[in-house]
Amino acid sequence: MSTERAIRAQLNPADAAFETRDFYLACFLRCTGYGLIDLRAEGRRKVFVFRDRPTRRDDVLAFYG
């Protein structure tokens, strides 16, 4: 089970989460209004956990596009 699925299983459907280790994507998501739920350590790196939205896929593609 992926980490994203594990987080989704723990939360209500209304509280679905998306996570990334990409600092610049995290900054972009935060600036576009995504709520930061959690920030956890994974070794020397951090994992940013955001409240998910139905438009997240398009938002992420816009960032990388």
Protein backbone atom coordinates (compact mmCIF):
# COMPACT_ATOMS: atom_id res chain seq x y z
CA MET A 1 0.00 0.00 0.00
CA SER A 2 1.38 3.39 -0.93
CA THR A 3 1.86 6.02 1.72
CA GLU A 4 -0.76 8.22 0.06
CA ARG A 5 -3.30 5.40 0.25
CA ALA A 6 -2.43 4.75 3.88
CA ILE A 7 -3.04 8.40 4.73
CA ARG A 8 -6.30 8.39 2.77
CA ALA A 9 -7.45 5.30 4.69
CA GLN A 10 -6.85 7.06 8.01
CA LEU A 11 -8.76 10.22 7.12
CA ASN A 12 -12.36 10.95 6.22
CA PRO A 13 -13.04 11.18 2.48
CA ALA A 14 -13.50 14.90 3.04
CA ASP A 15 -10.00 15.02 4.59
CA ALA A 16 -8.17 13.16 1.81
CA ALA A 17 -4.47 13.94 1.64
CA PHE A 18 -1.75 14.32 -0.98
CA GLU A 19 1.93 14.20 -0.13
CA THR A 20 5.11 15.20 -1.88
CA ARG A 21 8.81 15.43 -1.16
CA ASP A 22 9.27 18.12 -3.82
CA PHE A 23 9.95 21.39 -1.99
CA TYR A 24 9.11 23.61 -4.98
CA LEU A 25 5.86 21.76 -5.69
CA ALA A 26 4.99 22.13 -2.00
CA CYS A 27 5.59 25.88 -2.23
CA PHE A 28 3.42 26.09 -5.35
CA LEU A 29 0.59 24.13 -3.76
CA ARG A 30 0.74 26.25 -0.63
CA CYS A 31 0.63 29.47 -2.67
CA THR A 32 -2.38 28.21 -4.65
CA GLY A 33 -4.34 27.65 -1.45
CA TYR A 34 -3.76 24.03 -0.48
CA GLY A 35 -3.86 23.48 3.27
CA LEU A 36 -0.73 21.93 4.80
CA ILE A 37 -1.88 19.10 7.08
CA ASP A 38 1.46 17.70 8.19
CA LEU A 39 5.19 17.99 7.70
CA ARG A 40 7.14 14.92 8.72
CA ALA A 41 10.76 13.89 8.61
CA GLU A 42 11.92 11.07 6.37
CA GLY A 43 15.61 10.81 7.06
CA ARG A 44 17.20 14.12 6.13
CA ARG A 45 14.25 15.03 3.91
CA LYS A 46 10.74 16.26 4.68
CA VAL A 47 7.39 15.02 3.41
CA PHE A 48 4.75 17.70 2.87
CA VAL A 49 1.17 16.47 3.38
CA PHE A 50 -1.62 18.60 1.94
CA ARG A 51 -5.41 18.46 2.06
CA ASP A 52 -6.31 17.04 -1.35
CA ARG A 53 -8.63 18.62 -3.91
CA PRO A 54 -10.39 17.17 -6.94
CA THR A 55 -8.35 19.56 -9.14
CA ARG A 56 -4.98 18.49 -7.71
CA ARG A 57 -3.93 16.49 -10.78
CA ASP A 58 -4.44 19.51 -13.04
CA ASP A 59 -2.71 21.80 -10.55
CA VAL A 60 0.35 19.55 -10.37
CA LEU A 61 0.47 19.25 -14.16
CA ALA A 62 0.28 23.05 -14.42
CA PHE A 63 3.26 23.33 -12.10
CA TYR A 64 5.40 20.89 -14.08
CA GLY A 65 4.09 22.08 -17.47
